[in-house]
Protein backbone atom coordinates (compact mmCIF):
# COMPACT_ATOMS: atom_id res chain seq x y z
CA UNK A 1 0.00 0.00 0.00
CA UNK A 2 1.50 3.34 -1.04
CA UNK A 3 0.69 6.56 0.77
CA UNK A 4 0.27 9.69 -1.34
CA UNK A 5 1.69 12.75 0.36
CA UNK A 6 0.29 16.26 -0.03
CA UNK A 7 3.81 17.67 0.29
CA UNK A 8 6.40 18.45 -2.37
CA UNK A 9 10.15 17.92 -2.00
CA UNK A 10 11.67 20.87 -0.15
CA UNK A 11 8.49 21.84 1.73
CA UNK A 12 8.99 23.18 5.26
CA UNK A 13 6.70 21.08 7.46
CA UNK A 14 5.78 21.22 11.13
CA UNK A 15 3.87 19.15 13.61
CA UNK A 16 2.43 20.28 16.94
CA UNK A 17 3.83 18.62 20.03
CA UNK A 18 2.65 19.06 23.61
CA UNK A 19 4.71 22.18 24.37
CA UNK A 20 6.30 23.11 21.04
CA UNK A 21 6.16 22.69 17.27
CA UNK A 22 8.65 20.35 15.62
CA UNK A 23 9.96 21.47 12.18
CA UNK A 24 11.44 19.53 9.31
CA UNK A 25 11.99 19.51 5.56
CA UNK A 26 9.96 17.08 3.44
CA UNK A 27 12.28 15.20 1.06
CA UNK A 28 10.26 12.64 -0.91
CA UNK A 29 8.60 9.26 -0.58
CA UNK A 30 7.15 10.28 2.80
CA UNK A 31 10.60 11.07 4.24
CA UNK A 32 11.44 14.11 6.39
CA UNK A 33 14.79 15.55 7.48
CA UNK A 34 14.73 16.98 10.98
CA UNK A 35 16.89 17.62 14.03
CA UNK A 36 16.14 15.15 16.79
CA UNK A 37 17.60 14.21 20.11
CA UNK A 38 18.63 16.21 23.08
CA UNK A 39 15.79 16.33 25.55
CA UNK A 40 16.88 19.64 27.06
CA UNK A 41 19.07 22.64 26.27
CA UNK A 42 22.21 20.95 27.66
CA UNK A 43 21.82 17.91 25.38
CA UNK A 44 21.22 19.89 22.16
CA UNK A 45 24.89 19.66 21.04
CA UNK A 46 24.33 15.88 20.82
CA UNK A 47 21.26 16.24 18.59
CA UNK A 48 21.36 14.66 15.14
CA UNK A 49 20.19 15.80 11.73
CA UNK A 50 18.49 12.73 10.36
CA UNK A 51 16.07 11.47 7.75
CA UNK A 52 13.04 9.59 8.95
CA UNK A 53 9.57 8.68 7.88
CA UNK A 54 6.76 11.21 7.77
CA UNK A 55 4.79 8.95 10.12
CA UNK A 56 7.67 8.94 12.62
CA UNK A 57 8.01 12.72 12.34
CA UNK A 58 4.31 13.14 13.10
CA UNK A 59 4.45 10.87 16.15
CA UNK A 60 1.45 9.15 17.68
CA UNK A 61 -0.97 12.08 17.79
CA UNK A 62 0.39 14.67 15.36
CA UNK A 63 -0.43 15.57 11.79
CA UNK A 64 2.20 17.36 9.73
CA UNK A 65 1.26 20.55 7.96
CA UNK A 66 3.06 22.69 5.43
CA UNK A 67 4.50 26.01 6.58
CA UNK A 68 3.70 28.59 3.88
CA UNK A 69 6.65 30.37 2.25
CA UNK A 70 7.65 33.22 4.53
CA UNK A 71 5.50 31.59 7.21
CA UNK A 72 6.03 32.79 10.73
CA UNK A 73 7.23 30.28 13.24
CA UNK A 74 8.66 32.68 15.80
CA UNK A 75 6.41 33.83 18.62
CA UNK A 76 7.29 37.48 18.08
CA UNK A 77 8.89 39.28 15.16
CA UNK A 78 12.57 40.20 15.32
CA UNK A 79 13.21 43.91 15.70
CA UNK A 80 14.12 45.75 12.51
CA UNK A 81 17.38 47.64 12.19
CA UNK A 82 16.98 51.41 12.06
CA UNK A 83 17.15 52.89 8.58
CA UNK A 84 18.35 56.23 7.40
C-alpha atoms as a PDB file:
ATOM      1  CA  UNK A   1       0.000   0.000   0.000  1.00  0.00           C
ATOM      2  CA  UNK A   2       1.501   3.338  -1.038  1.00  0.00           C
ATOM      3  CA  UNK A   3       0.685   6.559   0.767  1.00  0.00           C
ATOM      4  CA  UNK A   4       0.270   9.690  -1.336  1.00  0.00           C
ATOM      5  CA  UNK A   5       1.690  12.754   0.362  1.00  0.00           C
ATOM      6  CA  UNK A   6       0.291  16.255  -0.033  1.00  0.00           C
ATOM      7  CA  UNK A   7       3.813  17.669   0.289  1.00  0.00           C
ATOM      8  CA  UNK A   8       6.404  18.450  -2.369  1.00  0.00           C
ATOM      9  CA  UNK A   9      10.150  17.918  -2.003  1.00  0.00           C
ATOM     10  CA  UNK A  10      11.670  20.873  -0.150  1.00  0.00           C
ATOM     11  CA  UNK A  11       8.493  21.836   1.732  1.00  0.00           C
ATOM     12  CA  UNK A  12       8.989  23.183   5.264  1.00  0.00           C
ATOM     13  CA  UNK A  13       6.697  21.080   7.464  1.00  0.00           C
ATOM     14  CA  UNK A  14       5.784  21.219  11.126  1.00  0.00           C
ATOM     15  CA  UNK A  15       3.867  19.152  13.615  1.00  0.00           C
ATOM     16  CA  UNK A  16       2.435  20.277  16.938  1.00  0.00           C
ATOM     17  CA  UNK A  17       3.827  18.621  20.025  1.00  0.00           C
ATOM     18  CA  UNK A  18       2.646  19.056  23.606  1.00  0.00           C
ATOM     19  CA  UNK A  19       4.714  22.179  24.372  1.00  0.00           C
ATOM     20  CA  UNK A  20       6.305  23.106  21.039  1.00  0.00           C
ATOM     21  CA  UNK A  21       6.159  22.694  17.266  1.00  0.00           C
ATOM     22  CA  UNK A  22       8.648  20.351  15.616  1.00  0.00           C
ATOM     23  CA  UNK A  23       9.962  21.469  12.185  1.00  0.00           C
ATOM     24  CA  UNK A  24      11.443  19.529   9.306  1.00  0.00           C
ATOM     25  CA  UNK A  25      11.988  19.507   5.555  1.00  0.00           C
ATOM     26  CA  UNK A  26       9.960  17.082   3.445  1.00  0.00           C
ATOM     27  CA  UNK A  27      12.278  15.204   1.058  1.00  0.00           C
ATOM     28  CA  UNK A  28      10.259  12.644  -0.908  1.00  0.00           C
ATOM     29  CA  UNK A  29       8.603   9.259  -0.582  1.00  0.00           C
ATOM     30  CA  UNK A  30       7.151  10.282   2.797  1.00  0.00           C
ATOM     31  CA  UNK A  31      10.604  11.071   4.240  1.00  0.00           C
ATOM     32  CA  UNK A  32      11.441  14.106   6.387  1.00  0.00           C
ATOM     33  CA  UNK A  33      14.787  15.555   7.477  1.00  0.00           C
ATOM     34  CA  UNK A  34      14.730  16.977  10.976  1.00  0.00           C
ATOM     35  CA  UNK A  35      16.885  17.616  14.025  1.00  0.00           C
ATOM     36  CA  UNK A  36      16.138  15.145  16.793  1.00  0.00           C
ATOM     37  CA  UNK A  37      17.602  14.214  20.107  1.00  0.00           C
ATOM     38  CA  UNK A  38      18.633  16.212  23.080  1.00  0.00           C
ATOM     39  CA  UNK A  39      15.791  16.328  25.547  1.00  0.00           C
ATOM     40  CA  UNK A  40      16.881  19.641  27.060  1.00  0.00           C
ATOM     41  CA  UNK A  41      19.068  22.638  26.267  1.00  0.00           C
ATOM     42  CA  UNK A  42      22.209  20.946  27.663  1.00  0.00           C
ATOM     43  CA  UNK A  43      21.821  17.913  25.381  1.00  0.00           C
ATOM     44  CA  UNK A  44      21.223  19.892  22.158  1.00  0.00           C
ATOM     45  CA  UNK A  45      24.889  19.660  21.043  1.00  0.00           C
ATOM     46  CA  UNK A  46      24.329  15.878  20.822  1.00  0.00           C
ATOM     47  CA  UNK A  47      21.262  16.243  18.591  1.00  0.00           C
ATOM     48  CA  UNK A  48      21.362  14.662  15.135  1.00  0.00           C
ATOM     49  CA  UNK A  49      20.189  15.804  11.734  1.00  0.00           C
ATOM     50  CA  UNK A  50      18.493  12.733  10.358  1.00  0.00           C
ATOM     51  CA  UNK A  51      16.073  11.465   7.754  1.00  0.00           C
ATOM     52  CA  UNK A  52      13.041   9.587   8.947  1.00  0.00           C
ATOM     53  CA  UNK A  53       9.566   8.676   7.879  1.00  0.00           C
ATOM     54  CA  UNK A  54       6.757  11.208   7.775  1.00  0.00           C
ATOM     55  CA  UNK A  55       4.793   8.948  10.120  1.00  0.00           C
ATOM     56  CA  UNK A  56       7.675   8.935  12.616  1.00  0.00           C
ATOM     57  CA  UNK A  57       8.012  12.725  12.344  1.00  0.00           C
ATOM     58  CA  UNK A  58       4.306  13.138  13.100  1.00  0.00           C
ATOM     59  CA  UNK A  59       4.448  10.874  16.145  1.00  0.00           C
ATOM     60  CA  UNK A  60       1.451   9.148  17.677  1.00  0.00           C
ATOM     61  CA  UNK A  61      -0.973  12.078  17.788  1.00  0.00           C
ATOM     62  CA  UNK A  62       0.392  14.673  15.358  1.00  0.00           C
ATOM     63  CA  UNK A  63      -0.426  15.569  11.785  1.00  0.00           C
ATOM     64  CA  UNK A  64       2.202  17.356   9.728  1.00  0.00           C
ATOM     65  CA  UNK A  65       1.263  20.554   7.964  1.00  0.00           C
ATOM     66  CA  UNK A  66       3.058  22.689   5.429  1.00  0.00           C
ATOM     67  CA  UNK A  67       4.502  26.008   6.576  1.00  0.00           C
ATOM     68  CA  UNK A  68       3.701  28.588   3.883  1.00  0.00           C
ATOM     69  CA  UNK A  69       6.648  30.373   2.249  1.00  0.00           C
ATOM     70  CA  UNK A  70       7.646  33.217   4.529  1.00  0.00           C
ATOM     71  CA  UNK A  71       5.499  31.592   7.208  1.00  0.00           C
ATOM     72  CA  UNK A  72       6.025  32.792  10.726  1.00  0.00           C
ATOM     73  CA  UNK A  73       7.231  30.282  13.245  1.00  0.00           C
ATOM     74  CA  UNK A  74       8.663  32.680  15.804  1.00  0.00           C
ATOM     75  CA  UNK A  75       6.406  33.833  18.624  1.00  0.00           C
ATOM     76  CA  UNK A  76       7.289  37.477  18.079  1.00  0.00           C
ATOM     77  CA  UNK A  77       8.894  39.281  15.163  1.00  0.00           C
ATOM     78  CA  UNK A  78      12.572  40.196  15.317  1.00  0.00           C
ATOM     79  CA  UNK A  79      13.205  43.911  15.697  1.00  0.00           C
ATOM     80  CA  UNK A  80      14.123  45.747  12.509  1.00  0.00           C
ATOM     81  CA  UNK A  81      17.384  47.643  12.187  1.00  0.00           C
ATOM     82  CA  UNK A  82      16.976  51.412  12.056  1.00  0.00           C
ATOM     83  CA  UNK A  83      17.155  52.894   8.579  1.00  0.00           C
ATOM     84  CA  UNK A  84      18.354  56.228   7.401  1.00  0.00           C
END
